[in-house]
Structures are given as structure tokens and as C-alpha cells.
C-alpha atoms as a PDB file:
ATOM      1  CA  UNK A   1      12.848 -20.238  38.778  1.00  0.00           C
ATOM      2  CA  UNK A   2      10.376 -16.691  39.257  1.00  0.00           C
ATOM      3  CA  UNK A   3       6.353 -18.103  39.748  1.00  0.00           C
ATOM      4  CA  UNK A   4       4.366 -16.376  36.822  1.00  0.00           C
ATOM      5  CA  UNK A   5       1.722 -14.993  39.384  1.00  0.00           C
ATOM      6  CA  UNK A   6       4.744 -12.394  40.655  1.00  0.00           C
ATOM      7  CA  UNK A   7       5.264 -11.758  37.220  1.00  0.00           C
ATOM      8  CA  UNK A   8       1.999 -11.133  36.991  1.00  0.00           C
ATOM      9  CA  UNK A   9       1.198  -9.263  39.851  1.00  0.00           C
ATOM     10  CA  UNK A  10       4.072  -6.724  38.968  1.00  0.00           C
ATOM     11  CA  UNK A  11       2.771  -6.441  35.740  1.00  0.00           C
ATOM     12  CA  UNK A  12      -0.256  -5.268  36.807  1.00  0.00           C
ATOM     13  CA  UNK A  13       1.642  -2.578  39.171  1.00  0.00           C
ATOM     14  CA  UNK A  14       3.826  -1.503  36.954  1.00  0.00           C
ATOM     15  CA  UNK A  15       2.144  -1.432  33.436  1.00  0.00           C
ATOM     16  CA  UNK A  16       5.392  -3.213  32.426  1.00  0.00           C
ATOM     17  CA  UNK A  17       5.866  -6.328  29.651  1.00  0.00           C
ATOM     18  CA  UNK A  18       5.354  -9.475  30.896  1.00  0.00           C
ATOM     19  CA  UNK A  19       8.657 -10.445  29.982  1.00  0.00           C
ATOM     20  CA  UNK A  20      10.549  -6.886  31.413  1.00  0.00           C
ATOM     21  CA  UNK A  21       8.977  -7.774  34.561  1.00  0.00           C
ATOM     22  CA  UNK A  22      10.502 -11.440  34.391  1.00  0.00           C
ATOM     23  CA  UNK A  23      13.807 -10.173  34.115  1.00  0.00           C
ATOM     24  CA  UNK A  24      13.166  -7.897  36.650  1.00  0.00           C
ATOM     25  CA  UNK A  25      11.871 -10.255  39.521  1.00  0.00           C
ATOM     26  CA  UNK A  26      14.848 -12.042  38.121  1.00  0.00           C
ATOM     27  CA  UNK A  27      17.292  -9.319  38.904  1.00  0.00           C
ATOM     28  CA  UNK A  28      16.113  -8.742  42.047  1.00  0.00           C
ATOM     29  CA  UNK A  29      15.261 -12.235  43.406  1.00  0.00           C
ATOM     30  CA  UNK A  30      12.037 -12.022  43.790  1.00  0.00           C
ATOM     31  CA  UNK A  31      12.144  -8.815  45.804  1.00  0.00           C
ATOM     32  CA  UNK A  32       8.708  -6.689  44.334  1.00  0.00           C
ATOM     33  CA  UNK A  33       9.521  -3.978  45.469  1.00  0.00           C
ATOM     34  CA  UNK A  34      13.346  -3.553  44.000  1.00  0.00           C
ATOM     35  CA  UNK A  35      12.205  -4.981  41.158  1.00  0.00           C
ATOM     36  CA  UNK A  36       8.859  -1.926  40.547  1.00  0.00           C
ATOM     37  CA  UNK A  37      12.602  -0.092  41.422  1.00  0.00           C
ATOM     38  CA  UNK A  38      14.824  -1.607  38.965  1.00  0.00           C
ATOM     39  CA  UNK A  39      11.530  -1.070  36.451  1.00  0.00           C
ATOM     40  CA  UNK A  40      11.233   2.330  37.396  1.00  0.00           C
ATOM     41  CA  UNK A  41      14.289   3.237  36.490  1.00  0.00           C
ATOM     42  CA  UNK A  42      14.502   1.169  33.450  1.00  0.00           C
ATOM     43  CA  UNK A  43      11.879   3.405  32.476  1.00  0.00           C
ATOM     44  CA  UNK A  44      13.787   6.251  32.727  1.00  0.00           C
ATOM     45  CA  UNK A  45      16.655   4.972  30.697  1.00  0.00           C
ATOM     46  CA  UNK A  46      14.120   4.103  28.111  1.00  0.00           C
ATOM     47  CA  UNK A  47      12.481   7.715  28.150  1.00  0.00           C
ATOM     48  CA  UNK A  48      16.264   8.836  27.668  1.00  0.00           C
ATOM     49  CA  UNK A  49      16.863   7.085  24.841  1.00  0.00           C
ATOM     50  CA  UNK A  50      13.331   8.143  23.466  1.00  0.00           C
ATOM     51  CA  UNK A  51      14.446  12.054  24.066  1.00  0.00           C
ATOM     52  CA  UNK A  52      16.462  11.955  20.291  1.00  0.00           C
ATOM     53  CA  UNK A  53      13.302  11.022  18.584  1.00  0.00           C
ATOM     54  CA  UNK A  54      11.628  13.038  15.771  1.00  0.00           C
ATOM     55  CA  UNK A  55       8.658  15.094  17.648  1.00  0.00           C
ATOM     56  CA  UNK A  56       6.017  16.308  14.636  1.00  0.00           C
ATOM     57  CA  UNK A  57       2.945  15.780  16.068  1.00  0.00           C
ATOM     58  CA  UNK A  58       0.752  17.232  19.362  1.00  0.00           C
ATOM     59  CA  UNK A  59      -1.336  19.337  20.864  1.00  0.00           C
ATOM     60  CA  UNK A  60      -1.793  23.108  21.770  1.00  0.00           C
ATOM     61  CA  UNK A  61      -2.870  23.173  25.523  1.00  0.00           C
ATOM     62  CA  UNK A  62      -4.198  25.742  27.052  1.00  0.00           C
ATOM     63  CA  UNK A  63      -5.889  27.246  30.201  1.00  0.00           C
ATOM     64  CA  UNK A  64      -7.470  30.309  31.436  1.00  0.00           C
ATOM     65  CA  UNK A  65      -7.805  31.058  35.115  1.00  0.00           C
ATOM     66  CA  UNK A  66     -10.873  31.924  37.057  1.00  0.00           C
ATOM     67  CA  UNK A  67     -10.665  35.037  37.115  1.00  0.00           C
ATOM     68  CA  UNK A  68     -10.251  34.875  33.342  1.00  0.00           C
ATOM     69  CA  UNK A  69      -7.381  37.357  33.815  1.00  0.00           C
ATOM     70  CA  UNK A  70      -4.534  34.903  32.881  1.00  0.00           C
ATOM     71  CA  UNK A  71      -4.237  32.659  29.975  1.00  0.00           C
ATOM     72  CA  UNK A  72      -1.596  29.944  29.087  1.00  0.00           C
ATOM     73  CA  UNK A  73      -0.868  28.063  25.569  1.00  0.00           C
ATOM     74  CA  UNK A  74       1.652  25.669  24.926  1.00  0.00           C
ATOM     75  CA  UNK A  75       2.765  23.603  22.337  1.00  0.00           C
ATOM     76  CA  UNK A  76       3.577  20.080  23.801  1.00  0.00           C
ATOM     77  CA  UNK A  77       4.817  17.609  21.039  1.00  0.00           C
ATOM     78  CA  UNK A  78       4.861  13.894  20.442  1.00  0.00           C
ATOM     79  CA  UNK A  79       5.308  11.568  17.969  1.00  0.00           C
ATOM     80  CA  UNK A  80       2.178  10.251  17.153  1.00  0.00           C
ATOM     81  CA  UNK A  81      -1.512  12.105  16.415  1.00  0.00           C
ATOM     82  CA  UNK A  82      -2.181   8.936  17.643  1.00  0.00           C
ATOM     83  CA  UNK A  83      -0.796   9.820  21.211  1.00  0.00           C
ATOM     84  CA  UNK A  84      -2.161  13.025  20.732  1.00  0.00           C
ATOM     85  CA  UNK A  85      -5.337  12.032  21.431  1.00  0.00           C
ATOM     86  CA  UNK A  86      -4.533  10.050  24.943  1.00  0.00           C
ATOM     87  CA  UNK A  87      -5.878  11.929  27.892  1.00  0.00           C
ATOM     88  CA  UNK A  88      -2.533  10.864  29.187  1.00  0.00           C
ATOM     89  CA  UNK A  89      -1.053  12.925  26.949  1.00  0.00           C
ATOM     90  CA  UNK A  90      -3.768  15.972  27.327  1.00  0.00           C
ATOM     91  CA  UNK A  91      -3.596  15.860  31.220  1.00  0.00           C
ATOM     92  CA  UNK A  92      -0.308  16.130  30.561  1.00  0.00           C
ATOM     93  CA  UNK A  93      -0.322  19.511  28.396  1.00  0.00           C
ATOM     94  CA  UNK A  94      -3.026  20.865  30.903  1.00  0.00           C
ATOM     95  CA  UNK A  95      -1.010  20.395  34.028  1.00  0.00           C
ATOM     96  CA  UNK A  96       2.295  21.793  31.480  1.00  0.00           C
ATOM     97  CA  UNK A  97      -0.142  25.144  30.915  1.00  0.00           C
ATOM     98  CA  UNK A  98      -1.101  25.149  35.050  1.00  0.00           C
ATOM     99  CA  UNK A  99       2.267  25.392  36.370  1.00  0.00           C
ATOM    100  CA  UNK A 100       3.418  28.141  33.078  1.00  0.00           C
ATOM    101  CA  UNK A 101       0.097  29.897  34.584  1.00  0.00           C
ATOM    102  CA  UNK A 102       1.463  30.043  38.077  1.00  0.00           C
ATOM    103  CA  UNK A 103       5.001  29.903  38.307  1.00  0.00           C
ATOM    104  CA  UNK A 104       5.679  32.478  35.048  1.00  0.00           C
ATOM    105  CA  UNK A 105       8.496  30.794  33.424  1.00  0.00           C
ATOM    106  CA  UNK A 106      10.517  33.098  30.929  1.00  0.00           C
ATOM    107  CA  UNK A 107      12.446  30.452  28.720  1.00  0.00           C
ATOM    108  CA  UNK A 108      11.612  26.696  27.888  1.00  0.00           C
ATOM    109  CA  UNK A 109      15.140  24.979  28.500  1.00  0.00           C
ATOM    110  CA  UNK A 110      18.292  27.844  29.611  1.00  0.00           C
ATOM    111  CA  UNK A 111      19.877  26.731  26.116  1.00  0.00           C
ATOM    112  CA  UNK A 112      17.060  29.582  24.978  1.00  0.00           C
ATOM    113  CA  UNK A 113      18.274  31.616  26.879  1.00  0.00           C
ATOM    114  CA  UNK A 114      19.323  35.014  25.251  1.00  0.00           C
ATOM    115  CA  UNK A 115      23.728  35.050  25.939  1.00  0.00           C
ATOM    116  CA  UNK A 116      23.162  38.255  26.337  1.00  0.00           C
ATOM    117  CA  UNK A 117      21.415  38.128  29.307  1.00  0.00           C
ATOM    118  CA  UNK A 118      23.452  35.496  30.402  1.00  0.00           C
ATOM    119  CA  UNK A 119      26.167  37.499  30.523  1.00  0.00           C
ATOM    120  CA  UNK A 120      23.889  40.691  32.132  1.00  0.00           C
ATOM    121  CA  UNK A 121      23.375  38.514  35.367  1.00  0.00           C
ATOM    122  CA  UNK A 122      26.713  37.283  35.610  1.00  0.00           C
ATOM    123  CA  UNK A 123      27.707  41.314  35.072  1.00  0.00           C
ATOM    124  CA  UNK A 124      25.311  41.960  37.971  1.00  0.00           C
ATOM    125  CA  UNK A 125      26.285  38.974  40.184  1.00  0.00           C
ATOM    126  CA  UNK A 126      30.342  39.913  39.914  1.00  0.00           C
ATOM    127  CA  UNK A 127      29.206  43.379  40.619  1.00  0.00           C
ATOM    128  CA  UNK A 128      27.506  42.647  44.263  1.00  0.00           C
ATOM    129  CA  UNK A 129      30.088  40.592  45.097  1.00  0.00           C
ATOM    130  CA  UNK A 130      33.472  43.019  43.574  1.00  0.00           C
ATOM    131  CA  UNK A 131      33.661  44.551  47.490  1.00  0.00           C
ATOM    132  CA  UNK A 132      33.260  40.804  49.136  1.00  0.00           C
ATOM    133  CA  UNK A 133      37.508  40.513  49.696  1.00  0.00           C
ATOM    134  CA  UNK A 134      36.735  37.093  48.134  1.00  0.00           C
ATOM    135  CA  UNK A 135      39.237  35.597  45.211  1.00  0.00           C
ATOM    136  CA  UNK A 136      38.671  35.876  41.693  1.00  0.00           C
ATOM    137  CA  UNK A 137      38.163  32.131  41.950  1.00  0.00           C
ATOM    138  CA  UNK A 138      35.669  31.471  44.444  1.00  0.00           C
ATOM    139  CA  UNK A 139      33.302  34.560  42.902  1.00  0.00           C
ATOM    140  CA  UNK A 140      33.631  32.641  40.169  1.00  0.00           C
ATOM    141  CA  UNK A 141      32.326  29.770  41.788  1.00  0.00           C
ATOM    142  CA  UNK A 142      29.420  31.917  43.724  1.00  0.00           C
ATOM    143  CA  UNK A 143      28.583  33.368  40.167  1.00  0.00           C
ATOM    144  CA  UNK A 144      28.449  29.747  38.569  1.00  0.00           C
ATOM    145  CA  UNK A 145      26.351  29.179  41.394  1.00  0.00           C
ATOM    146  CA  UNK A 146      23.887  32.570  41.148  1.00  0.00           C
ATOM    147  CA  UNK A 147      23.166  31.616  37.085  1.00  0.00           C
ATOM    148  CA  UNK A 148      22.343  28.010  38.162  1.00  0.00           C
ATOM    149  CA  UNK A 149      19.368  29.252  40.856  1.00  0.00           C
ATOM    150  CA  UNK A 150      18.992  31.994  37.927  1.00  0.00           C
ATOM    151  CA  UNK A 151      17.844  28.662  35.882  1.00  0.00           C
ATOM    152  CA  UNK A 152      15.833  26.712  38.117  1.00  0.00           C
ATOM    153  CA  UNK A 153      13.978  30.336  38.287  1.00  0.00           C
ATOM    154  CA  UNK A 154      13.136  31.404  34.815  1.00  0.00           C
ATOM    155  CA  UNK A 155      13.573  27.817  33.106  1.00  0.00           C
ATOM    156  CA  UNK A 156      10.473  25.629  32.215  1.00  0.00           C
ATOM    157  CA  UNK A 157      11.980  22.439  32.677  1.00  0.00           C
ATOM    158  CA  UNK A 158      14.191  23.550  35.711  1.00  0.00           C
ATOM    159  CA  UNK A 159      11.309  24.774  37.559  1.00  0.00           C
ATOM    160  CA  UNK A 160      10.029  22.843  40.704  1.00  0.00           C
ATOM    161  CA  UNK A 161       6.568  21.324  39.830  1.00  0.00           C
ATOM    162  CA  UNK A 162       3.928  23.908  40.937  1.00  0.00           C
ATOM    163  CA  UNK A 163       1.857  20.616  41.992  1.00  0.00           C
ATOM    164  CA  UNK A 164       4.369  18.320  42.927  1.00  0.00           C
ATOM    165  CA  UNK A 165       7.717  20.203  44.780  1.00  0.00           C
ATOM    166  CA  UNK A 166       9.354  16.898  44.570  1.00  0.00           C
ATOM    167  CA  UNK A 167       9.810  16.707  41.065  1.00  0.00           C
ATOM    168  CA  UNK A 168      10.687  19.517  38.073  1.00  0.00           C
ATOM    169  CA  UNK A 169       8.763  20.032  35.225  1.00  0.00           C
ATOM    170  CA  UNK A 170      11.713  17.805  32.887  1.00  0.00           C
ATOM    171  CA  UNK A 171      11.550  15.211  35.223  1.00  0.00           C
ATOM    172  CA  UNK A 172       7.383  15.054  35.615  1.00  0.00           C
ATOM    173  CA  UNK A 173       7.705  14.549  31.364  1.00  0.00           C
ATOM    174  CA  UNK A 174      10.587  12.560  31.522  1.00  0.00           C
ATOM    175  CA  UNK A 175       7.431  10.252  33.283  1.00  0.00           C
ATOM    176  CA  UNK A 176       5.514   9.932  30.956  1.00  0.00           C
ATOM    177  CA  UNK A 177       7.611   9.829  28.158  1.00  0.00           C
ATOM    178  CA  UNK A 178       8.461   6.318  30.382  1.00  0.00           C
ATOM    179  CA  UNK A 179       4.517   5.940  30.969  1.00  0.00           C
ATOM    180  CA  UNK A 180       3.761   6.752  27.360  1.00  0.00           C
ATOM    181  CA  UNK A 181       5.999   5.676  25.307  1.00  0.00           C
ATOM    182  CA  UNK A 182       7.328   8.168  23.077  1.00  0.00           C
ATOM    183  CA  UNK A 183       9.720  11.178  23.644  1.00  0.00           C
ATOM    184  CA  UNK A 184       7.686  14.039  24.498  1.00  0.00           C
ATOM    185  CA  UNK A 185       9.188  17.639  24.488  1.00  0.00           C
ATOM    186  CA  UNK A 186       7.738  21.147  25.434  1.00  0.00           C
ATOM    187  CA  UNK A 187       8.604  23.476  21.731  1.00  0.00           C
ATOM    188  CA  UNK A 188       6.914  26.704  23.552  1.00  0.00           C
ATOM    189  CA  UNK A 189       4.598  28.395  25.064  1.00  0.00           C
ATOM    190  CA  UNK A 190       2.991  32.256  25.811  1.00  0.00           C
ATOM    191  CA  UNK A 191       1.512  33.314  29.059  1.00  0.00           C
ATOM    192  CA  UNK A 192      -0.956  36.415  28.467  1.00  0.00           C
ATOM    193  CA  UNK A 193      -1.559  38.556  31.961  1.00  0.00           C
ATOM    194  CA  UNK A 194      -4.541  41.399  31.787  1.00  0.00           C
ATOM    195  CA  UNK A 195      -2.962  45.021  31.748  1.00  0.00           C
ATOM    196  CA  UNK A 196       0.567  43.448  30.749  1.00  0.00           C
END
């Protein structure tokens, strides 16, 4: 039997519902840290379930650098106008806009990269390796690795978050989905730099 005080403490520490806290503590045999980990994992699982839900609302977040030479607009979507008005959601929009200003992604996701760009990158990598003497299947593996690196550097969702390199922008968004309880996604963005 799990003590109600323990359930309340877990709820205070995580913000999760009472029943979720009780179940997590039962699963962890009363171990508070393990219960927190269980809830975190379930939060991410919940975020994954929410990822297919329609995001018809949201905000345009804006960031203008202090020198007034860089500006970013980003469309951040959620499911309801209620969430769009929350401080947490707006703060996420600002963080993503600042990240875009700092890291200059070219696309939101790897699916958005035009096929001709991908083919051109592959061609460049193959040309770099053609005189290496490596077998064709090894060259293809290397090309695949370089292409993944290209996506990590150029796609917003795959970039390391500028203000916490332990997570990607996609992981930052998933954490917000788990916390806020609605699907969230970046639809599009634009970065302006004076003279470019």
C-alpha cells in the first residue's frame, strides 16, 4: 500500500495526476526517484501519442537580435487557443526563435529537404570518396553517415538546442508536449539578416 503523503510529494514534484503518481509509485515499489523516471518516460510516450493530433492554433513568435541586424519569425502551432495564450507555450516560441537566430537552420524537418538537394549532397560526398580505394558498400555507409550529419546541421528539429546541447530542438518540443498536454509543432520559420 502506497502512502498518500508519498503520492502527494510525487505530484508536487512532477505535476502529474494523482492516479498516475500512485501507479508510478506502485510500479517503482515506493522508490521516489524511480517513480519520477517512470512518469517522465510515460510523459514522452504521451507526447508521442499526441503527435498525430491536429494543430490548428498557435502563435507567430518573433525575435529581434539586440543589434537589430537579425530577425526571426516562427509559426508554432498547438491544438487550442487556450494553450497558445499560455506563458509556457509563448516561452517555447521565443526559445525556438532565438535558437533559429543563433543556429540558422534551413528546413524544419528532414522530410522538408528537397530531393534534389539530398542528391546533390550525396554526389559531393561520393566525389570526395571516389579515390579513397574503399569498397562501394563502405562508401555508401559513409555517404549515409555524412547525410545524417547534414540533416543534424540543417534541420531545425535535429539540431542540438543552442541553449542546452544535451537535447535536440525536437526533444525540447516533446518535453513541452508532455508538460502542456497538447500536440505542438513548428510549421515554418524565416530568418532575416541585414544585407543578405
